[in-house]
Structures are given as C-alpha cells and as structure tokens.
Amino acid sequence: MFSYSNNGVTVASIIDDRRATIENLYPIKIRVTYKRVRKYYSTGKTLSVEEWDKLPETKSKALISIRMDIQNSFEKIKEVVQKLELEEGFSFDALNARLSKAVSESINTTFHAKIQTLLDNGQVGSHLFYKDALKSIEQFAGNQILFESVTVDWLRKYEKYLLNHGRNYTTIGMYCRAIRCIMNEGRKAGILKDNQYPFGNGKYEITTGQGRKMALNLQQIKSIVTYTDGREATEKYRDLWFFSYLCNGINFADMLTLKYSNIHNGEICFLRAKTVRTSKVKKEVNAIITLEMRAIINRWGNKNKKPDSYIFGYLSGNETPLEQKDKIKSIVKLCNKRLKKIGAVLGIEGVSTYTARHSFATVLKRSGANIAYISESLGHNDLKTTENYLASFEREEREKNARLLTNFGD
C-alpha cells in the first residue's frame, strides 16, 4: 500500500500472511529490501486479509485510524533510510541502530512487548486490559510516544481527555497504573532518568475511584433466590448467582473453571486466578458445600463427574485462553441481563454477578464474623482489600445510626 524505492533500497508496507495470530489476524509490517536481502519491522497492527484489501479505499473510521498508524510507521522508516542514503550510505546495521534508538524511547513498543508477554503467559484478562489501555493512550497521543514526553502535565491532560470521553476515575486510575508500569520498565532499562519519572509525591498522583457499594441484605438475597417466573433460564442464572454467593463470593471466571477435582471432603478448594500469578503465597480458598450448593450442582451441574470435568459444563477444556475468556464473558453477560430483570421486578437496584461477592462479605460482617476470617474466605492477602468490599457506609447503616441520635428511651 505504501512504497518507496531509491538507490537499490525499497521500503513497503505489507501484510505478513505467513502465520496467523490466535485471532486469525496477520501482522502488518514494513519490509525493507536491499541487495535481495529483506528485513521486516513491526507496526504493532494486525488485520485480516479482507481488511488489508479494503484498507486503501476504506471509509471505516477504525480502519482509517489503523491506516494512518501504518503510514506513520512507514514514513518513520523511510525517513531514516533517506537520511542514511544522504549521510553514511545505507546498511541494515545502520538502519537498525537508528531505529533501535527511536524504538527504545517509545512507550508504545514497551506496551506491545508487555501485551505479548501476558498473552504468552496465558494472562488473557491482563492482556486484553493492557491492549485496551494502549488503544486509549494512542487515541490520545499517537503511536510513537517518547518516554520523556510522559510528564506530569501530559498525564493531567490525559486524565482530562478521559473525563471528557465519559471515563470514570476508576478507569482513569487503572489506565494510569498501566502507564506507570511501563514507565517503571523504562527506568529499569535506563531509558528514563529518575528526575524524568512523573509519578509520586509532589508529581502526578494516580486518582482512586470510590467504588459503589453493591452489597445486598439477607432479605433481598432471599427474595432473589426464591424468585421464579417459570422460565428455566431465569432459574439457572439465579442459581449460578446464588452458588457464587454461597461459595465465598467466588467470581464467575473462577466458578466456571471449577472441576470436580476441586471438591475435597465436602469443601470446594481453589486458587483465585486473579492473584495466583501475582502473590508469592498461593492462598487456597476453602468453601463448605452447603445443601443449597449441592442442590444447584445436582440440578445444573455436569452429569459427567470425572475429576477432570468442569462442575458447570459451559467449558470443554479444549478452548484457547482467549476462547475461554470469551465464553465466560458471554455467560456473565447473559446472567447479568437476567439478574437485572429479576432486580427490576423485585425493586432491587444493581444486582449483578459482582454483587454476590460484596454481599457474601457484608452479610458475614453484619452477622459479627471476624474480618480476618472474611478476608481469608475471600482469598485476600491483606485486610485493607477486604475492607473495600465491606459496605461500611451503606444507607441502611447510616439510617440506623441516625435513629440512635434521638433514641431518648421514651
């Protein structure tokens, strides 16, 4: 699509269709040819063959943006080639030396390396998050952002940009933590000097969104788990939500990957996928199988009860990490849609798969359970994390305390 040729050196943008990604896409590269030797340089973009064919004439905003990024990569290499021709003469060693310096100063390249590493490690959730963060950052500042350009002022402008595009402070904090991680890589590599580092006291401090408490009380939980409209789908997703609540507030990703081998002596024992790679101590979570949980397994569980079978047979075990992530995401979406309908009928706002975890922690707290026990049951490594789950300042509690102020004993 983009091509340049002079003095025996050819630079061209191409689709490298020799090997597809797991998403059945192909990398777009800049190919440099000199004396019949070809070298390929990544643009960080991937497309299907059909998208590549449409790219020159496309009217799609998404594809136009990709085309511009490819053109930027092409122009950058072309510019270096032209300078070499004028100065010292072209060679691949000279080209690579100049490109290496430029690339090493780009946070985009470090992001791409991080994204690929996460995918190779099977950390699909983190892989997708960093991909999403990079997309947002590149929409704000382009695909060649130098480490030294990420200043306190740059971060404040990015924060304002995200707010103007409807992002909340929780998302802003997450994206900025991703940037901080990449900037830390730059410090380790010696690309970024300590006095150029933009995070910390007196510099840019990452905002923390105040999460909305989503815990239900026992009466609300009872009304949900006894609700039926006669539809099997409603009862199935209702029961999956109830199982999550009873199983120490297990999140749906962990619940749907439980196998019968996770059952030991009347308990479900598992490691949280969210923390298993990041924690030095692998803390096993143990949840007693109640009569209600056993009834749910008997009704909706996999009839093949071999140790390696999933308890809830939504997964086959043959999925790639990305396919597994997509299946779980689809089930969560269907469940949340059904829970929203149940909540609308019962007059309960904000019922979702996530509510089960908050409710588990808060019900135990209201019942007088020790916070250390709650923390252990949730699989947390510190009490502070647990406290964030507890609906300490919910309206119900505030109203009860307000009444105490005028409890004169009349």
Protein backbone atom coordinates (compact mmCIF):
# COMPACT_ATOMS: atom_id res chain seq x y z
CA MET A 1 0.00 0.00 0.00
CA PHE A 2 2.81 2.42 0.93
CA SER A 3 6.00 2.08 -1.11
CA TYR A 4 9.32 3.87 -1.65
CA SER A 5 12.31 2.91 -3.77
CA ASN A 6 15.65 4.67 -4.37
CA ASN A 7 19.30 3.70 -4.83
CA GLY A 8 18.51 0.00 -4.63
CA VAL A 9 16.61 0.27 -1.32
CA THR A 10 12.88 -0.49 -1.28
CA VAL A 11 10.56 0.21 1.64
CA ALA A 12 7.00 -1.15 1.55
CA SER A 13 4.10 -1.84 3.91
CA ILE A 14 2.93 -5.47 3.66
CA ILE A 15 0.67 -7.97 5.37
CA ASP A 16 2.76 -10.86 6.66
CA ASP A 17 0.44 -13.78 5.90
CA ARG A 18 2.95 -16.50 6.79
CA ARG A 19 1.48 -17.09 10.24
CA ALA A 20 -1.86 -16.00 11.70
CA THR A 21 -2.39 -14.94 15.30
CA ILE A 22 -4.79 -16.91 17.51
CA GLU A 23 -7.42 -14.33 16.49
CA ASN A 24 -6.84 -15.32 12.83
CA LEU A 25 -5.27 -11.95 12.01
CA TYR A 26 -1.94 -11.21 10.35
CA PRO A 27 0.73 -8.70 11.41
CA ILE A 28 1.26 -5.62 9.27
CA LYS A 29 4.96 -4.94 8.76
CA ILE A 30 7.29 -2.59 6.96
CA ARG A 31 9.57 -4.58 4.67
CA VAL A 32 12.95 -3.15 3.69
CA THR A 33 14.75 -4.78 0.74
CA TYR A 34 18.40 -4.16 -0.17
CA LYS A 35 20.62 -6.33 -2.38
CA ARG A 36 17.97 -9.09 -2.32
CA VAL A 37 18.01 -9.18 1.50
CA ARG A 38 14.69 -8.50 3.24
CA LYS A 39 14.16 -7.28 6.77
CA TYR A 40 10.77 -6.84 8.45
CA TYR A 41 9.80 -4.21 11.02
CA SER A 42 6.62 -4.41 13.11
CA THR A 43 3.95 -1.71 13.03
CA GLY A 44 2.15 -3.21 16.02
CA LYS A 45 -1.00 -3.66 13.92
CA THR A 46 -2.82 -6.81 12.85
CA LEU A 47 -5.58 -7.23 10.25
CA SER A 48 -7.44 -9.90 8.36
CA VAL A 49 -6.63 -10.32 4.66
CA GLU A 50 -10.06 -8.86 3.82
CA GLU A 51 -9.42 -5.76 5.97
CA TRP A 52 -5.99 -5.31 4.40
CA ASP A 53 -7.50 -5.43 0.90
CA LYS A 54 -10.09 -2.79 1.87
CA LEU A 55 -7.60 -0.51 3.64
CA PRO A 56 -6.61 1.83 0.74
CA GLU A 57 -10.23 2.85 -0.02
CA THR A 58 -11.90 2.24 3.33
CA LYS A 59 -14.34 4.71 4.87
CA SER A 60 -14.37 2.92 8.23
CA LYS A 61 -13.08 5.24 10.97
CA ALA A 62 -11.37 2.35 12.76
CA LEU A 63 -9.56 1.19 9.61
CA ILE A 64 -8.65 4.76 8.63
CA SER A 65 -7.00 5.16 12.05
CA ILE A 66 -5.04 1.92 11.50
CA ARG A 67 -4.04 3.05 8.01
CA MET A 68 -2.69 6.30 9.44
CA ASP A 69 -0.69 4.42 12.08
CA ILE A 70 0.78 2.13 9.39
CA GLN A 71 1.65 5.17 7.29
CA ASN A 72 3.37 6.77 10.30
CA SER A 73 5.49 3.63 10.79
CA PHE A 74 6.28 3.55 7.06
CA GLU A 75 7.23 7.25 6.97
CA LYS A 76 9.45 6.87 10.01
CA ILE A 77 11.49 4.05 8.39
CA LYS A 78 11.51 5.79 5.03
CA GLU A 79 12.88 8.96 6.65
CA VAL A 80 15.72 7.04 8.31
CA VAL A 81 16.54 5.28 5.02
CA GLN A 82 16.68 8.61 3.17
CA LYS A 83 18.95 10.15 5.82
CA LEU A 84 21.31 7.18 5.63
CA GLU A 85 21.46 7.48 1.84
CA LEU A 86 22.48 11.14 2.17
CA GLU A 87 24.91 10.71 5.06
CA GLU A 88 26.84 7.46 5.50
CA GLY A 89 25.20 5.22 2.93
CA PHE A 90 22.56 2.58 3.58
CA SER A 91 23.18 -0.63 5.52
CA PHE A 92 20.87 -2.74 7.66
CA ASP A 93 23.20 -2.34 10.64
CA ALA A 94 22.96 1.45 10.40
CA LEU A 95 19.18 1.28 9.91
CA ASN A 96 18.70 -1.00 12.92
CA ALA A 97 20.94 1.16 15.11
CA ARG A 98 18.91 4.29 14.38
CA LEU A 99 15.55 2.53 14.66
CA SER A 100 16.59 0.84 17.90
CA LYS A 101 17.28 4.21 19.50
CA ALA A 102 13.92 5.58 18.36
CA VAL A 103 12.00 2.47 19.42
CA SER A 104 13.69 2.25 22.80
CA GLU A 105 12.37 5.71 23.62
CA SER A 106 8.76 4.79 22.74
CA ILE A 107 6.31 3.62 25.40
CA ASN A 108 4.19 2.09 22.61
CA THR A 109 6.80 -0.55 21.86
CA THR A 110 7.18 -1.41 25.54
CA PHE A 111 3.38 -1.72 25.79
CA HIS A 112 3.33 -4.12 22.82
CA ALA A 113 6.05 -6.27 24.40
CA LYS A 114 4.11 -6.36 27.68
CA ILE A 115 0.89 -7.30 25.86
CA GLN A 116 2.59 -10.17 24.03
CA THR A 117 4.24 -11.47 27.23
CA LEU A 118 0.89 -11.51 29.04
CA LEU A 119 -0.68 -13.47 26.18
CA ASP A 120 2.21 -15.95 26.11
CA ASN A 121 1.76 -16.48 29.86
CA GLY A 122 -1.96 -17.15 29.43
CA GLN A 123 -2.90 -13.99 31.37
CA VAL A 124 -5.73 -13.23 28.97
CA GLY A 125 -7.58 -10.74 31.19
CA SER A 126 -4.45 -8.63 31.74
CA HIS A 127 -3.52 -9.00 28.06
CA LEU A 128 -6.88 -7.57 26.99
CA PHE A 129 -6.73 -4.80 29.61
CA TYR A 130 -3.28 -3.59 28.51
CA LYS A 131 -4.46 -3.75 24.89
CA ASP A 132 -7.44 -1.57 25.76
CA ALA A 133 -5.25 0.84 27.74
CA LEU A 134 -2.79 1.20 24.84
CA LYS A 135 -5.63 1.83 22.39
CA SER A 136 -6.90 4.66 24.59
CA ILE A 137 -3.40 6.12 25.02
CA GLU A 138 -2.70 6.01 21.27
CA GLN A 139 -6.03 7.67 20.52
CA PHE A 140 -4.90 10.47 22.82
CA ALA A 141 -1.25 10.84 21.79
CA GLY A 142 -0.40 8.69 18.74
CA ASN A 143 1.70 5.58 18.18
CA GLN A 144 5.18 6.98 18.84
CA ILE A 145 5.07 8.39 22.38
CA LEU A 146 8.53 9.01 23.78
CA PHE A 147 9.19 8.11 27.41
CA GLU A 148 10.41 11.63 28.06
CA SER A 149 7.12 13.10 26.74
CA VAL A 150 5.09 11.45 29.53
CA THR A 151 5.32 14.27 32.04
CA VAL A 152 3.09 15.36 34.91
CA ASP A 153 1.39 17.82 32.55
CA TRP A 154 0.92 15.09 29.91
CA LEU A 155 -0.73 12.79 32.47
CA ARG A 156 -3.07 15.57 33.65
CA LYS A 157 -4.10 16.27 30.07
CA TYR A 158 -4.69 12.55 29.51
CA GLU A 159 -6.84 12.42 32.66
CA LYS A 160 -8.89 15.37 31.38
CA TYR A 161 -9.18 13.70 27.96
CA LEU A 162 -10.58 10.53 29.55
CA LEU A 163 -13.07 12.50 31.66
CA ASN A 164 -14.27 14.34 28.55
CA HIS A 165 -14.82 10.95 26.89
CA GLY A 166 -17.03 9.67 29.70
CA ARG A 167 -14.48 7.58 31.60
CA ASN A 168 -14.76 7.46 35.40
CA TYR A 169 -11.95 7.82 37.91
CA THR A 170 -11.76 4.06 38.47
CA THR A 171 -10.92 3.52 34.79
CA ILE A 172 -8.56 6.51 34.75
CA GLY A 173 -6.70 5.07 37.74
CA MET A 174 -6.39 1.68 36.05
CA TYR A 175 -5.04 3.15 32.79
CA CYS A 176 -2.57 5.36 34.64
CA ARG A 177 -1.31 2.39 36.67
CA ALA A 178 -0.66 0.62 33.34
CA ILE A 179 1.34 3.65 32.17
CA ARG A 180 3.24 3.67 35.48
CA CYS A 181 4.15 0.00 34.98
CA ILE A 182 5.54 0.80 31.52
CA MET A 183 7.42 3.85 32.85
CA ASN A 184 8.98 1.62 35.52
CA GLU A 185 10.24 -0.63 32.72
CA GLY A 186 11.81 2.45 31.14
CA ARG A 187 13.57 3.30 34.40
CA LYS A 188 14.94 -0.22 34.71
CA ALA A 189 16.23 -0.11 31.13
CA GLY A 190 17.91 3.25 31.73
CA ILE A 191 15.78 4.98 29.09
CA LEU A 192 14.19 7.24 31.69
CA LYS A 193 16.13 9.19 34.30
CA ASP A 194 14.83 9.39 37.86
CA ASN A 195 14.19 13.13 37.57
CA GLN A 196 12.02 12.48 34.49
CA TYR A 197 9.78 9.98 36.31
CA PRO A 198 6.34 11.67 36.56
CA PHE A 199 4.67 9.62 39.33
CA GLY A 200 4.80 10.01 43.11
CA ASN A 201 4.52 12.61 45.86
CA GLY A 202 4.61 16.13 44.52
CA LYS A 203 4.24 14.82 40.98
CA TYR A 204 1.29 13.06 39.35
CA GLU A 205 -0.66 11.01 41.89
CA ILE A 206 -2.98 8.39 40.45
CA THR A 207 -6.61 9.01 41.28
CA THR A 208 -8.64 6.36 43.07
CA GLY A 209 -12.31 5.99 42.24
CA GLN A 210 -14.64 5.35 45.16
CA GLY A 211 -16.32 2.09 44.24
CA ARG A 212 -20.05 1.99 44.71
CA LYS A 213 -21.09 -0.45 47.42
CA MET A 214 -23.18 -3.23 45.96
CA ALA A 215 -23.98 -5.46 48.91
CA LEU A 216 -27.47 -6.83 49.49
CA ASN A 217 -29.06 -7.68 52.81
CA LEU A 218 -30.38 -11.13 53.70
CA GLN A 219 -33.97 -10.27 52.90
CA GLN A 220 -33.04 -9.07 49.43
CA ILE A 221 -30.95 -12.18 48.84
CA LYS A 222 -33.84 -14.39 49.94
CA SER A 223 -36.24 -12.63 47.56
CA ILE A 224 -33.82 -13.19 44.66
CA VAL A 225 -33.07 -16.87 45.31
CA THR A 226 -36.77 -17.72 45.77
CA TYR A 227 -37.87 -15.74 42.70
CA THR A 228 -39.13 -17.52 39.60
CA ASP A 229 -41.02 -16.51 36.50
CA GLY A 230 -41.37 -20.12 35.36
CA ARG A 231 -38.50 -19.85 32.87
CA GLU A 232 -35.64 -22.33 33.08
CA ALA A 233 -33.06 -19.72 32.04
CA THR A 234 -34.12 -17.42 34.88
CA GLU A 235 -33.79 -20.21 37.45
CA LYS A 236 -30.44 -21.35 36.05
CA TYR A 237 -28.78 -17.92 36.16
CA ARG A 238 -30.43 -17.16 39.51
CA ASP A 239 -28.95 -20.37 40.92
CA LEU A 240 -25.49 -19.68 39.49
CA TRP A 241 -25.56 -16.29 41.22
CA PHE A 242 -26.63 -17.97 44.49
CA PHE A 243 -23.84 -20.56 44.14
CA SER A 244 -21.31 -17.73 43.68
CA TYR A 245 -22.63 -16.05 46.85
CA LEU A 246 -22.50 -19.25 48.91
CA CYS A 247 -19.07 -20.27 47.57
CA ASN A 248 -17.29 -17.44 49.43
CA GLY A 249 -18.35 -14.91 46.81
CA ILE A 250 -16.33 -16.68 44.11
CA ASN A 251 -16.16 -14.67 40.89
CA PHE A 252 -17.73 -16.22 37.81
CA ALA A 253 -14.44 -16.81 35.98
CA ASP A 254 -13.17 -18.95 38.87
CA MET A 255 -16.58 -20.61 39.37
CA LEU A 256 -16.95 -21.68 35.73
CA THR A 257 -13.46 -23.21 35.73
CA LEU A 258 -14.09 -25.28 38.88
CA LYS A 259 -13.68 -29.01 38.30
CA TYR A 260 -14.93 -31.95 40.34
CA SER A 261 -11.29 -32.41 41.39
CA ASN A 262 -11.69 -29.12 43.35
CA ILE A 263 -14.06 -30.91 45.75
CA HIS A 264 -12.37 -32.38 48.83
CA ASN A 265 -14.12 -33.70 51.94
CA GLY A 266 -17.28 -31.68 51.41
CA GLU A 267 -15.45 -28.46 50.52
CA ILE A 268 -14.62 -26.64 47.30
CA CYS A 269 -10.92 -25.75 47.32
CA PHE A 270 -9.47 -23.41 44.68
CA LEU A 271 -6.92 -20.72 43.95
CA ARG A 272 -8.14 -17.37 42.66
CA ALA A 273 -6.92 -16.84 39.10
CA LYS A 274 -6.70 -13.10 39.75
CA THR A 275 -3.96 -13.46 42.37
CA VAL A 276 -2.32 -16.83 41.69
CA ARG A 277 0.39 -15.27 39.48
CA THR A 278 0.92 -12.09 41.47
CA SER A 279 1.07 -13.45 45.03
CA LYS A 280 4.17 -15.05 46.49
CA VAL A 281 2.00 -17.09 48.84
CA LYS A 282 -0.58 -19.16 46.96
CA LYS A 283 -3.57 -18.88 49.28
CA GLU A 284 -6.15 -21.62 48.78
CA VAL A 285 -9.77 -20.66 49.32
CA ASN A 286 -11.99 -23.26 51.02
CA ALA A 287 -15.78 -23.11 50.87
CA ILE A 288 -18.05 -25.59 52.65
CA ILE A 289 -20.53 -27.18 50.22
CA THR A 290 -23.91 -26.36 51.71
CA LEU A 291 -27.13 -28.25 51.00
CA GLU A 292 -28.18 -25.43 48.67
CA MET A 293 -24.90 -25.62 46.74
CA ARG A 294 -25.22 -29.39 46.39
CA ALA A 295 -28.77 -28.99 45.08
CA ILE A 296 -27.55 -26.48 42.47
CA ILE A 297 -24.78 -28.85 41.35
CA ASN A 298 -27.28 -31.72 41.10
CA ARG A 299 -29.71 -29.62 39.07
CA TRP A 300 -27.40 -27.68 36.74
CA GLY A 301 -24.02 -29.39 37.09
CA ASN A 302 -22.16 -31.55 34.61
CA LYS A 303 -23.51 -35.11 34.76
CA ASN A 304 -20.04 -36.40 33.90
CA LYS A 305 -18.48 -36.24 37.37
CA LYS A 306 -14.97 -37.38 36.49
CA PRO A 307 -12.31 -35.40 38.40
CA ASP A 308 -11.21 -33.52 35.27
CA SER A 309 -14.76 -32.48 34.29
CA TYR A 310 -15.93 -28.93 34.91
CA ILE A 311 -18.64 -28.77 37.59
CA PHE A 312 -20.68 -26.45 35.38
CA GLY A 313 -20.26 -27.72 31.84
CA TYR A 314 -20.00 -24.45 29.95
CA LEU A 315 -16.36 -25.10 29.03
CA SER A 316 -15.00 -28.13 27.23
CA GLY A 317 -11.35 -27.75 28.17
CA ASN A 318 -10.29 -27.52 24.52
CA GLU A 319 -10.59 -23.74 24.32
CA THR A 320 -7.62 -21.44 23.87
CA PRO A 321 -7.20 -18.89 26.70
CA LEU A 322 -8.89 -16.22 24.55
CA GLU A 323 -11.77 -18.53 23.62
CA GLN A 324 -12.25 -19.43 27.29
CA LYS A 325 -12.27 -15.76 28.22
CA ASP A 326 -14.89 -15.02 25.54
CA LYS A 327 -17.15 -17.88 26.68
CA ILE A 328 -17.03 -16.78 30.31
CA LYS A 329 -17.67 -13.18 29.31
CA SER A 330 -20.71 -14.28 27.30
CA ILE A 331 -22.15 -16.28 30.23
CA VAL A 332 -21.60 -13.37 32.64
CA LYS A 333 -23.37 -11.04 30.20
CA LEU A 334 -26.38 -13.37 29.92
CA CYS A 335 -26.51 -13.82 33.68
CA ASN A 336 -26.35 -10.07 34.34
CA LYS A 337 -29.13 -9.47 31.83
CA ARG A 338 -31.34 -11.97 33.66
CA LEU A 339 -30.38 -10.61 37.11
CA LYS A 340 -31.27 -7.09 36.01
CA LYS A 341 -34.76 -8.29 35.08
CA ILE A 342 -35.14 -10.05 38.43
CA GLY A 343 -33.98 -6.92 40.23
CA ALA A 344 -36.46 -4.76 38.29
CA VAL A 345 -39.36 -7.00 39.33
CA LEU A 346 -38.25 -7.09 42.98
CA GLY A 347 -37.31 -3.42 43.17
CA ILE A 348 -33.63 -4.13 43.90
CA GLU A 349 -31.11 -1.96 42.08
CA GLY A 350 -27.69 -3.01 40.85
CA VAL A 351 -27.99 -6.80 41.06
CA SER A 352 -25.15 -8.39 39.09
CA THR A 353 -22.68 -11.26 39.25
CA TYR A 354 -20.34 -8.93 41.13
CA THR A 355 -22.95 -8.24 43.81
CA ALA A 356 -22.64 -11.80 45.10
CA ARG A 357 -19.06 -11.25 46.28
CA HIS A 358 -19.81 -7.98 48.06
CA SER A 359 -22.92 -9.47 49.63
CA PHE A 360 -21.04 -12.53 50.94
CA ALA A 361 -18.53 -10.28 52.73
CA THR A 362 -21.06 -7.80 54.05
CA VAL A 363 -23.57 -10.37 55.34
CA LEU A 364 -20.80 -12.03 57.33
CA LYS A 365 -19.71 -8.67 58.71
CA ARG A 366 -23.25 -7.74 59.75
CA SER A 367 -23.52 -11.12 61.44
CA GLY A 368 -20.45 -10.40 63.55
CA ALA A 369 -17.86 -12.52 61.73
CA ASN A 370 -14.22 -11.60 62.31
CA ILE A 371 -12.78 -9.51 59.49
CA ALA A 372 -9.69 -11.76 59.36
CA TYR A 373 -11.97 -14.74 58.68
CA ILE A 374 -13.82 -12.81 55.96
CA SER A 375 -10.51 -11.82 54.39
CA GLU A 376 -9.30 -15.42 54.37
CA SER A 377 -12.61 -16.63 52.90
CA LEU A 378 -12.35 -14.10 50.06
CA GLY A 379 -8.76 -15.12 49.34
CA HIS A 380 -7.36 -11.66 50.07
CA ASN A 381 -3.77 -11.16 51.12
CA ASP A 382 -4.42 -8.15 53.33
CA LEU A 383 -7.26 -6.76 55.42
CA LYS A 384 -7.32 -3.42 53.60
CA THR A 385 -8.54 -5.10 50.43
CA THR A 386 -11.29 -6.79 52.41
CA GLU A 387 -12.41 -3.54 53.96
CA ASN A 388 -13.03 -2.14 50.47
CA TYR A 389 -15.55 -4.92 49.91
CA LEU A 390 -17.49 -4.19 53.04
CA ALA A 391 -20.42 -1.84 52.73
CA SER A 392 -19.42 0.11 55.82
CA PHE A 393 -21.17 3.30 54.87
CA GLU A 394 -24.30 1.97 53.20
CA ARG A 395 -27.52 3.93 53.58
CA GLU A 396 -29.20 1.28 55.73
CA GLU A 397 -26.40 1.54 58.28
CA ARG A 398 -26.43 5.37 58.21
CA GLU A 399 -30.19 5.46 58.81
CA LYS A 400 -29.89 3.06 61.75
CA ASN A 401 -27.14 5.17 63.32
CA ALA A 402 -29.09 8.40 62.71
CA ARG A 403 -32.00 6.96 64.71
CA LEU A 404 -29.66 6.33 67.64
CA LEU A 405 -29.10 10.07 67.95
CA THR A 406 -32.68 10.58 69.11
CA ASN A 407 -33.19 7.33 70.97
CA PHE A 408 -34.20 9.04 74.24
CA GLY A 409 -35.82 5.91 75.65
CA ASP A 410 -39.36 7.42 75.80
